[in-house]
């Protein structure tokens, strides 16, 4: 029994010594020798927790020798009473988690001798309000500043080429961020849940906006995307619930799944450089009323599923489409105005009958595209606009010639008032809004066809 007690005592002693292992102590700081030959050392943990204002010297004297301090290990992790730290230019490496959970640490200046900010270095430093990253740093590690809730601003120098995943996650006071054009990669969720992040500027030269880079930034109002970006990857801005507008440059060729999921974008214009729009790229969890939507014929790959599709649960009012295929990927029952782009030649698969709220149809094509599936009521009531100089061609084209109110123009103005009609134009037919022919005025909306080919809507009280 006694031998067992002795063995347990020795084991406990080994554990304690391993937890607080250090080679020497000078002026309250603990050190380990890195290289005896090079006379270098690093700051480490010791018998007592660090607190207050800590100043790390550039060199220390030990056993009659001067050693350079070149690194900081996990020396200060969990030291909740440290308020400031001074790091000398001799330090080239700050180890993983070196200052994590220093909840009272308010400011840090990193010397320009440091090239890498390792993982978790300042994570959970909840009082850290400002930090200067020198232009010697090339990499910001995983979770490096995660949950620094007081960090309101940070400048990423253009020496940085990579930002690790979760690097700034939960930095809830961060108001703006600029991604320099030196950055070639950003890890997943690098800026997730930055709830006060209002603006993001991505400098020209950046080619990708990375997967899940800025999700759940609920206060994000604006994003500047440069012409150098070719791909917006999956979930990049998902659940940014204050983002109402974004300009997508015509350098972008692909918008991946969930890129802008649940973002309340009022107007979306897809440039004609885009060929792919992934599942739920602009989708919503539930009903969302959108003002404007423009999708060109360059888009050849889009998810048409109403529940997981590229525009799932989007209910646009004013749509401009470049092809049948694209148009059929978007809900029809909310569309009030529909514009067919200049290059549309065949729109015959589009079910106009499902566009129950459609009021205005505009064709920008000089040659009448083929259309079908138009109801008799729509032929009677729709305001239809075609390019100037093409009216005769449309009046001779199948289906188009059956529209009662076919006129030249861009549809930005309503049907011409009576005073603008030819003085000799006479009423040649009168119909109800449902297309039923009547021989006299009836209360409600009357559709009146004139002898000059125009149509009027008349309200009879």
Protein backbone atom coordinates (compact mmCIF):
# COMPACT_ATOMS: atom_id res chain seq x y z
CA UNK A 1 0.00 0.00 0.00
CA UNK A 2 2.83 2.36 0.92
CA UNK A 3 4.57 1.67 -2.40
CA UNK A 4 1.35 2.56 -4.24
CA UNK A 5 1.14 5.88 -2.37
CA UNK A 6 4.75 6.67 -3.26
CA UNK A 7 4.06 5.84 -6.91
CA UNK A 8 0.96 8.10 -6.99
CA UNK A 9 2.93 10.94 -5.39
CA UNK A 10 5.68 10.62 -8.00
CA UNK A 11 3.09 10.48 -10.82
CA UNK A 12 1.37 13.63 -9.54
CA UNK A 13 4.73 15.37 -9.35
CA UNK A 14 5.44 14.44 -12.98
CA UNK A 15 2.02 15.77 -14.09
CA UNK A 16 2.48 19.09 -12.25
CA UNK A 17 5.96 19.55 -13.64
CA UNK A 18 4.73 18.78 -17.18
CA UNK A 19 1.93 21.35 -16.88
CA UNK A 20 4.27 24.09 -15.71
CA UNK A 21 7.37 23.01 -17.62
CA UNK A 22 9.80 25.87 -18.23
CA UNK A 23 13.56 26.21 -18.30
CA UNK A 24 14.02 29.45 -16.40
CA UNK A 25 12.32 32.58 -15.11
CA UNK A 26 13.41 36.21 -15.35
CA UNK A 27 11.50 39.18 -13.92
CA UNK A 28 8.25 37.25 -13.62
CA UNK A 29 8.29 35.82 -17.17
CA UNK A 30 8.90 32.13 -17.86
CA UNK A 31 11.02 30.86 -20.75
CA UNK A 32 12.00 27.73 -22.61
CA UNK A 33 15.24 27.47 -24.56
CA UNK A 34 14.54 27.05 -28.28
CA UNK A 35 18.15 26.59 -29.42
CA UNK A 36 21.18 26.59 -27.18
CA UNK A 37 23.45 26.90 -30.22
CA UNK A 38 21.59 29.95 -31.53
CA UNK A 39 20.95 31.29 -28.03
CA UNK A 40 17.21 31.69 -28.57
CA UNK A 41 14.23 31.20 -26.30
CA UNK A 42 10.43 31.56 -26.15
CA UNK A 43 7.99 32.86 -23.55
CA UNK A 44 5.92 30.08 -21.98
CA UNK A 45 3.69 29.32 -19.01
CA UNK A 46 4.96 29.07 -15.46
CA UNK A 47 4.01 28.69 -11.84
CA UNK A 48 1.92 31.85 -11.72
CA UNK A 49 -0.70 33.31 -14.07
CA UNK A 50 0.33 36.50 -15.87
CA UNK A 51 -1.63 39.69 -15.19
CA UNK A 52 -1.63 43.48 -15.72
CA UNK A 53 0.60 45.11 -18.34
CA UNK A 54 3.06 42.60 -19.74
CA UNK A 55 6.18 43.70 -21.60
CA UNK A 56 8.14 40.98 -23.34
CA UNK A 57 11.86 41.88 -23.67
CA UNK A 58 13.77 41.30 -26.89
CA UNK A 59 16.47 39.41 -24.97
CA UNK A 60 17.13 37.96 -21.51
CA UNK A 61 20.20 36.94 -19.55
CA UNK A 62 20.45 33.34 -18.32
CA UNK A 63 23.47 31.65 -16.80
CA UNK A 64 25.75 34.42 -18.01
CA UNK A 65 24.46 34.22 -21.59
CA UNK A 66 22.22 36.59 -23.57
CA UNK A 67 19.33 34.79 -25.27
CA UNK A 68 17.11 36.35 -27.94
CA UNK A 69 13.35 36.03 -27.40
CA UNK A 70 12.09 34.83 -30.80
CA UNK A 71 8.68 33.33 -30.07
CA UNK A 72 5.68 33.28 -27.77
CA UNK A 73 4.14 29.90 -27.02
CA UNK A 74 0.77 29.31 -25.34
CA UNK A 75 2.18 31.47 -22.57
CA UNK A 76 -0.80 33.73 -21.91
CA UNK A 77 -3.74 31.47 -22.72
CA UNK A 78 -6.58 31.97 -20.25
CA UNK A 79 -4.85 34.81 -18.39
CA UNK A 80 -8.00 36.82 -17.79
CA UNK A 81 -6.28 39.67 -15.91
CA UNK A 82 -3.80 40.75 -18.61
CA UNK A 83 -4.76 44.23 -19.89
CA UNK A 84 -1.98 44.94 -22.41
CA UNK A 85 1.04 43.27 -23.95
CA UNK A 86 4.12 44.63 -25.69
CA UNK A 87 5.81 42.30 -28.16
CA UNK A 88 9.37 43.11 -29.31
CA UNK A 89 10.66 43.04 -32.90
CA UNK A 90 12.78 40.02 -32.05
CA UNK A 91 9.65 37.82 -32.00
CA UNK A 92 8.97 36.11 -35.32
CA UNK A 93 6.44 33.51 -34.18
CA UNK A 94 3.34 33.75 -32.01
CA UNK A 95 2.13 30.24 -31.28
CA UNK A 96 -1.36 28.76 -31.49
CA UNK A 97 -3.68 30.05 -28.81
CA UNK A 98 -0.96 32.27 -27.33
CA UNK A 99 -3.43 34.92 -26.08
CA UNK A 100 -6.74 33.08 -26.32
CA UNK A 101 -9.24 33.73 -23.54
CA UNK A 102 -7.39 36.80 -22.28
CA UNK A 103 -10.72 38.44 -21.53
CA UNK A 104 -9.26 41.75 -20.25
CA UNK A 105 -6.73 42.29 -23.03
CA UNK A 106 -7.70 45.57 -24.71
CA UNK A 107 -5.01 46.28 -27.30
CA UNK A 108 -2.05 44.61 -28.99
CA UNK A 109 0.58 45.81 -31.42
CA UNK A 110 2.11 43.01 -33.45
CA UNK A 111 5.67 43.80 -34.58
CA UNK A 112 6.61 43.65 -38.25
CA UNK A 113 8.93 40.75 -37.54
CA UNK A 114 5.90 38.41 -37.33
CA UNK A 115 4.91 36.71 -40.61
CA UNK A 116 2.12 34.36 -39.50
CA UNK A 117 -0.72 34.82 -37.05
CA UNK A 118 -1.39 31.25 -35.98
CA UNK A 119 -4.70 29.59 -35.17
CA UNK A 120 -6.66 30.80 -32.11
CA UNK A 121 -3.99 33.35 -31.18
CA UNK A 122 -6.51 35.98 -30.00
CA UNK A 123 -9.70 33.93 -29.88
CA UNK A 124 -12.14 34.84 -27.10
CA UNK A 125 -10.29 38.04 -26.23
CA UNK A 126 -13.62 39.68 -25.54
CA UNK A 127 -12.17 43.11 -24.57
CA UNK A 128 -9.79 43.43 -27.52
CA UNK A 129 -10.94 46.62 -29.24
CA UNK A 130 -8.09 47.30 -31.64
CA UNK A 131 -5.13 45.52 -33.15
CA UNK A 132 -2.52 46.47 -35.72
CA UNK A 133 -1.46 43.80 -38.18
CA UNK A 134 1.87 44.70 -39.81
CA UNK A 135 2.48 44.29 -43.54
CA UNK A 136 4.94 41.51 -42.79
CA UNK A 137 2.07 39.11 -42.03
CA UNK A 138 1.15 36.77 -44.89
CA UNK A 139 -1.35 34.49 -43.19
CA UNK A 140 -4.12 34.83 -40.59
CA UNK A 141 -4.85 31.42 -39.07
CA UNK A 142 -8.02 29.55 -38.24
CA UNK A 143 -10.13 31.25 -35.53
CA UNK A 144 -7.31 33.75 -34.98
CA UNK A 145 -9.73 36.49 -33.81
CA UNK A 146 -12.86 34.44 -33.24
CA UNK A 147 -15.26 35.86 -30.63
CA UNK A 148 -13.34 39.10 -30.17
CA UNK A 149 -16.66 40.82 -29.41
CA UNK A 150 -15.18 44.29 -28.84
CA UNK A 151 -13.07 44.41 -32.01
CA UNK A 152 -14.63 47.27 -33.98
CA UNK A 153 -12.05 47.76 -36.72
CA UNK A 154 -9.11 45.96 -38.23
CA UNK A 155 -6.93 46.63 -41.25
CA UNK A 156 -5.78 43.64 -43.23
CA UNK A 157 -2.56 44.61 -45.01
CA UNK A 158 -2.00 43.72 -48.65
CA UNK A 159 0.75 41.33 -47.64
CA UNK A 160 -1.87 38.83 -46.41
CA UNK A 161 -2.62 36.04 -48.90
CA UNK A 162 -4.84 33.77 -46.81
CA UNK A 163 -7.45 34.14 -44.07
CA UNK A 164 -8.28 30.94 -42.23
CA UNK A 165 -11.72 29.54 -41.50
CA UNK A 166 -13.58 31.16 -38.61
CA UNK A 167 -10.80 33.80 -38.43
CA UNK A 168 -13.18 36.63 -37.47
CA UNK A 169 -16.31 34.64 -36.59
CA UNK A 170 -18.49 36.25 -33.90
CA UNK A 171 -16.60 39.56 -34.04
CA UNK A 172 -19.91 41.23 -33.28
CA UNK A 173 -18.60 44.84 -33.14
CA UNK A 174 -16.73 44.77 -36.46
CA UNK A 175 -18.38 47.43 -38.62
CA UNK A 176 -16.50 47.22 -41.92
CA UNK A 177 -13.84 45.17 -43.62
CA UNK A 178 -11.67 45.56 -46.71
CA UNK A 179 -10.26 42.45 -48.35
CA UNK A 180 -7.00 43.43 -50.10
CA UNK A 181 -6.21 42.13 -53.58
CA UNK A 182 -3.33 40.08 -52.18
CA UNK A 183 -5.78 37.63 -50.59
CA UNK A 184 -6.17 34.46 -52.64
CA UNK A 185 -8.15 32.36 -50.17
CA UNK A 186 -10.62 32.86 -47.33
CA UNK A 187 -11.66 29.89 -45.23
CA UNK A 188 -15.24 28.86 -44.54
CA UNK A 189 -17.22 31.11 -42.23
CA UNK A 190 -14.25 33.46 -41.81
CA UNK A 191 -16.61 36.38 -41.07
CA UNK A 192 -19.70 34.47 -39.95
CA UNK A 193 -21.99 36.11 -37.39
CA UNK A 194 -20.25 39.48 -37.59
CA UNK A 195 -23.61 40.97 -36.66
CA UNK A 196 -22.59 44.67 -36.94
CA UNK A 197 -20.64 44.31 -40.19
CA UNK A 198 -22.33 46.89 -42.44
CA UNK A 199 -20.00 47.07 -45.43
CA UNK A 200 -17.55 44.81 -47.22
CA UNK A 201 -15.11 46.07 -49.82
CA UNK A 202 -13.31 43.50 -51.92
CA UNK A 203 -10.43 45.06 -53.81
CA UNK A 204 -9.83 44.66 -57.51
CA UNK A 205 -7.63 41.64 -58.18
CA UNK A 206 -9.52 39.17 -56.00
CA UNK A 207 -10.90 36.42 -58.29
CA UNK A 208 -13.18 34.42 -55.97
CA UNK A 209 -15.59 35.19 -53.16
CA UNK A 210 -15.15 32.09 -51.11
CA UNK A 211 -17.61 29.52 -49.85
CA UNK A 212 -19.42 30.58 -46.68
CA UNK A 213 -17.09 33.56 -46.27
CA UNK A 214 -19.65 36.10 -44.94
CA UNK A 215 -22.78 34.20 -43.84
CA UNK A 216 -25.16 35.45 -41.15
CA UNK A 217 -23.84 39.02 -41.20
CA UNK A 218 -27.30 40.31 -40.38
CA UNK A 219 -26.46 44.04 -40.53
CA UNK A 220 -24.64 43.92 -43.87
CA UNK A 221 -25.98 46.71 -46.11
CA UNK A 222 -23.47 46.89 -48.97
CA UNK A 223 -20.92 44.75 -50.75
CA UNK A 224 -18.45 46.01 -53.33
CA UNK A 225 -17.51 43.25 -55.77
CA UNK A 226 -14.75 44.15 -58.28
CA UNK A 227 -14.59 43.24 -61.96
CA UNK A 228 -11.83 40.74 -61.24
CA UNK A 229 -14.20 38.31 -59.46
CA UNK A 230 -15.22 35.34 -61.62
CA UNK A 231 -16.99 33.17 -59.05
CA UNK A 232 -19.25 33.77 -56.05
CA UNK A 233 -19.13 30.50 -54.17
CA UNK A 234 -21.75 28.65 -52.17
CA UNK A 235 -23.20 30.37 -49.12
CA UNK A 236 -20.89 33.37 -49.52
CA UNK A 237 -23.51 35.87 -48.28
CA UNK A 238 -26.26 33.55 -47.08
CA UNK A 239 -28.61 34.85 -44.40
CA UNK A 240 -27.34 38.42 -44.67
CA UNK A 241 -30.83 39.59 -43.83
CA UNK A 242 -30.25 43.36 -44.33
CA UNK A 243 -28.63 43.09 -47.77
CA UNK A 244 -31.20 44.58 -50.16
CA UNK A 245 -29.01 45.22 -53.20
CA UNK A 246 -25.80 43.97 -54.79
CA UNK A 247 -24.09 44.77 -58.09
CA UNK A 248 -22.75 41.63 -59.74
CA UNK A 249 -20.00 42.60 -62.22
CA UNK A 250 -19.92 41.15 -65.73
CA UNK A 251 -16.72 39.28 -64.92
CA UNK A 252 -18.66 36.73 -62.84
CA UNK A 253 -19.35 33.44 -64.62
CA UNK A 254 -20.76 31.34 -61.78
CA UNK A 255 -22.96 32.01 -58.74
CA UNK A 256 -22.92 28.87 -56.63
CA UNK A 257 -25.61 27.31 -54.45
CA UNK A 258 -26.90 29.40 -51.55
CA UNK A 259 -24.64 32.34 -52.39
CA UNK A 260 -27.33 34.90 -51.48
CA UNK A 261 -29.80 32.58 -49.75
CA UNK A 262 -32.38 34.47 -47.66
CA UNK A 263 -30.94 37.88 -48.60
CA UNK A 264 -33.85 40.33 -49.13
CA UNK A 265 -32.54 41.59 -52.47
CA UNK A 266 -35.10 43.94 -53.98
CA UNK A 267 -33.56 43.87 -57.43
CA UNK A 268 -31.33 41.27 -59.08
CA UNK A 269 -29.61 41.79 -62.43
CA UNK A 270 -27.58 38.82 -63.63
CA UNK A 271 -24.90 39.97 -66.09
CA UNK A 272 -24.55 38.18 -69.42
CA UNK A 273 -21.20 36.73 -68.36
CA UNK A 274 -22.92 34.32 -65.94
CA UNK A 275 -23.54 30.78 -67.18
CA UNK A 276 -24.32 28.95 -63.93
CA UNK A 277 -26.65 29.73 -61.01
CA UNK A 278 -26.67 27.06 -58.30
CA UNK A 279 -29.44 25.69 -56.09
CA UNK A 280 -30.97 28.29 -53.77
CA UNK A 281 -28.42 30.86 -54.94
CA UNK A 282 -31.10 33.53 -54.50
CA UNK A 283 -33.67 31.33 -52.79
CA UNK A 284 -35.63 32.04 -49.65
CA UNK A 285 -36.84 29.92 -46.77
CA UNK A 286 -40.35 31.31 -47.17
CA UNK A 287 -42.36 33.66 -49.42
CA UNK A 288 -40.37 36.71 -50.58
CA UNK A 289 -41.73 39.48 -52.79
CA UNK A 290 -39.04 40.79 -55.16
CA UNK A 291 -39.33 43.94 -57.28
CA UNK A 292 -37.05 43.32 -60.27
CA UNK A 293 -35.33 40.28 -61.74
CA UNK A 294 -33.22 40.16 -64.93
CA UNK A 295 -31.68 36.92 -66.22
CA UNK A 296 -29.98 36.79 -69.65
CA UNK A 297 -29.77 33.89 -72.10
CA UNK A 298 -26.11 33.32 -71.18
CA UNK A 299 -27.32 31.35 -68.14
CA UNK A 300 -27.44 27.74 -69.30
CA UNK A 301 -27.43 25.96 -65.95
CA UNK A 302 -30.03 26.83 -63.32
CA UNK A 303 -31.93 24.79 -60.74
CA UNK A 304 -35.62 24.92 -61.67
CA UNK A 305 -36.99 23.16 -58.58
CA UNK A 306 -39.48 25.43 -56.81
CA UNK A 307 -38.36 24.32 -53.35
CA UNK A 308 -34.58 24.13 -53.78
CA UNK A 309 -34.23 26.01 -57.05
CA UNK A 310 -32.00 28.95 -57.80
CA UNK A 311 -34.89 31.34 -57.09
CA UNK A 312 -36.94 29.20 -54.68
CA UNK A 313 -39.75 31.10 -52.93
CA UNK A 314 -38.95 34.30 -54.84
CA UNK A 315 -42.04 36.10 -56.12
CA UNK A 316 -40.79 38.76 -58.56
CA UNK A 317 -43.04 41.47 -59.99
CA UNK A 318 -41.01 42.85 -62.90
CA UNK A 319 -39.04 40.25 -64.87
CA UNK A 320 -36.73 40.41 -67.86
CA UNK A 321 -35.72 37.08 -69.41
CA UNK A 322 -33.41 35.96 -72.19
CA UNK A 323 -34.85 32.47 -72.71
CA UNK A 324 -37.71 30.07 -72.09
CA UNK A 325 -35.47 27.91 -69.95
CA UNK A 326 -34.60 30.74 -67.59
CA UNK A 327 -38.14 32.08 -67.39
CA UNK A 328 -39.51 28.70 -66.38
CA UNK A 329 -37.16 28.58 -63.37
CA UNK A 330 -39.01 31.51 -61.79
CA UNK A 331 -42.50 31.63 -60.32
CA UNK A 332 -45.07 33.15 -62.67
CA UNK A 333 -47.97 33.89 -60.35
CA UNK A 334 -46.49 37.16 -59.02
CA UNK A 335 -45.27 38.67 -62.31
CA UNK A 336 -46.96 41.93 -63.30
CA UNK A 337 -44.60 42.99 -66.06
CA UNK A 338 -42.64 40.64 -68.35
CA UNK A 339 -39.92 41.70 -70.78
CA UNK A 340 -38.40 39.42 -73.44
CA UNK A 341 -34.81 40.39 -74.22
CA UNK A 342 -33.49 41.29 -77.67
CA UNK A 343 -32.07 37.84 -78.40
CA UNK A 344 -35.24 35.86 -77.61
CA UNK A 345 -36.42 33.85 -80.63
CA UNK A 346 -38.54 31.10 -79.08
CA UNK A 347 -40.68 31.59 -75.98
CA UNK A 348 -43.34 29.04 -76.90
CA UNK A 349 -42.85 26.81 -73.83
CA UNK A 350 -43.66 29.61 -71.40
CA UNK A 351 -47.05 29.14 -69.74
CA UNK A 352 -48.48 32.66 -69.84
CA UNK A 353 -51.73 31.27 -68.47
CA UNK A 354 -49.99 30.74 -65.10
CA UNK A 355 -49.00 34.43 -64.94
CA UNK A 356 -52.38 35.43 -63.54
CA UNK A 357 -51.28 38.93 -62.48
CA UNK A 358 -49.52 39.78 -65.74
CA UNK A 359 -50.50 43.26 -66.90
CA UNK A 360 -47.75 44.28 -69.33
CA UNK A 361 -45.77 42.29 -71.92
CA UNK A 362 -42.74 43.89 -73.60
CA UNK A 363 -40.73 42.36 -76.44
CA UNK A 364 -37.36 43.91 -77.27
CA UNK A 365 -36.76 41.49 -80.18
CA UNK A 366 -36.99 43.05 -83.64
CA UNK A 367 -38.17 39.72 -85.06
CA UNK A 368 -41.31 38.44 -83.29
CA UNK A 369 -40.36 35.45 -81.13
CA UNK A 370 -42.69 32.46 -81.13
CA UNK A 371 -45.05 32.37 -78.13
CA UNK A 372 -47.88 30.14 -77.00
CA UNK A 373 -50.10 29.31 -74.04
CA UNK A 374 -51.69 32.78 -73.90
CA UNK A 375 -55.28 32.91 -72.66
CA UNK A 376 -58.02 34.77 -74.48
CA UNK A 377 -58.42 37.08 -71.49
CA UNK A 378 -54.73 37.94 -71.65
CA UNK A 379 -54.97 38.64 -75.39
CA UNK A 380 -57.75 41.09 -74.65
CA UNK A 381 -56.37 42.81 -71.56
CA UNK A 382 -52.56 42.79 -71.72
CA UNK A 383 -50.68 45.94 -72.65
CA UNK A 384 -48.18 44.71 -75.25
CA UNK A 385 -45.21 46.77 -76.42
CA UNK A 386 -42.85 46.00 -79.32
CA UNK A 387 -39.81 47.86 -80.76
CA UNK A 388 -40.44 50.91 -82.90
CA UNK A 389 -40.71 50.06 -86.57
CA UNK A 390 -41.75 46.42 -85.95
CA UNK A 391 -45.50 46.78 -85.38
CA UNK A 392 -46.41 45.46 -88.83
CA UNK A 393 -44.25 42.35 -88.31
CA UNK A 394 -45.87 41.63 -84.96
CA UNK A 395 -49.38 42.24 -86.34
CA UNK A 396 -48.65 39.52 -88.91
CA UNK A 397 -47.06 37.04 -86.49
CA UNK A 398 -48.91 34.09 -84.97
CA UNK A 399 -50.38 34.78 -81.52
CA UNK A 400 -48.94 38.30 -81.44
CA UNK A 401 -51.54 39.44 -83.99
CA UNK A 402 -54.28 38.32 -81.60
CA UNK A 403 -53.38 40.83 -78.89
CA UNK A 404 -55.92 43.61 -78.74
CA UNK A 405 -53.54 46.24 -77.42
CA UNK A 406 -50.40 45.85 -79.51
CA UNK A 407 -48.35 49.01 -79.88
CA UNK A 408 -44.83 50.26 -80.41
CA UNK A 409 -42.77 51.54 -77.50
CA UNK A 410 -40.79 50.30 -74.55
CA UNK A 411 -43.68 50.01 -72.16
CA UNK A 412 -42.48 52.73 -69.84
CA UNK A 413 -45.62 54.72 -70.57
CA UNK A 414 -49.20 53.51 -70.46
CA UNK A 415 -51.65 53.18 -73.33
CA UNK A 416 -52.06 56.45 -75.22
CA UNK A 417 -54.97 58.62 -74.06
CA UNK A 418 -57.98 59.14 -76.31
CA UNK A 419 -56.77 62.56 -77.47
CA UNK A 420 -53.73 60.99 -79.11
CA UNK A 421 -55.81 58.66 -81.27
CA UNK A 422 -56.47 59.45 -84.89
CA UNK A 423 -59.37 61.87 -85.22
CA UNK A 424 -61.13 59.42 -87.51
CA UNK A 425 -60.65 56.37 -85.24
CA UNK A 426 -63.93 54.81 -84.23
CA UNK A 427 -64.96 52.19 -81.74
CA UNK A 428 -65.30 48.84 -83.51
CA UNK A 429 -65.75 46.51 -80.53
CA UNK A 430 -66.34 46.48 -76.80
CA UNK A 431 -65.55 43.66 -74.37
CA UNK A 432 -65.55 42.87 -70.68
CA UNK A 433 -62.28 42.32 -68.81
CA UNK A 434 -62.88 38.57 -69.25
CA UNK A 435 -63.07 38.90 -73.05
CA UNK A 436 -66.85 38.63 -73.45
CA UNK A 437 -68.17 40.83 -76.28
CA UNK A 438 -70.79 43.39 -75.25
CA UNK A 439 -72.90 45.79 -77.29
CA UNK A 440 -73.17 48.59 -74.74
CA UNK A 441 -71.35 50.12 -71.76
CA UNK A 442 -71.47 47.99 -68.60
CA UNK A 443 -70.27 48.95 -65.10
CA UNK A 444 -66.62 48.10 -64.45
CA UNK A 445 -63.68 47.88 -66.86
CA UNK A 446 -64.60 47.88 -70.56
CA UNK A 447 -62.04 46.99 -73.22
CA UNK A 448 -62.62 49.14 -76.33
CA UNK A 449 -61.03 48.31 -79.70
CA UNK A 450 -60.54 51.24 -82.06
CA UNK A 451 -60.49 51.29 -85.87
CA UNK A 452 -56.83 52.44 -85.90
CA UNK A 453 -55.74 49.19 -84.20
CA UNK A 454 -55.35 50.59 -80.69
CA UNK A 455 -57.16 49.50 -77.55
CA UNK A 456 -58.42 51.43 -74.55
CA UNK A 457 -59.36 50.46 -71.05
CA UNK A 458 -62.42 52.41 -69.92
CA UNK A 459 -63.87 52.39 -66.42
CA UNK A 460 -67.63 52.72 -66.37
CA UNK A 461 -69.17 53.69 -63.04
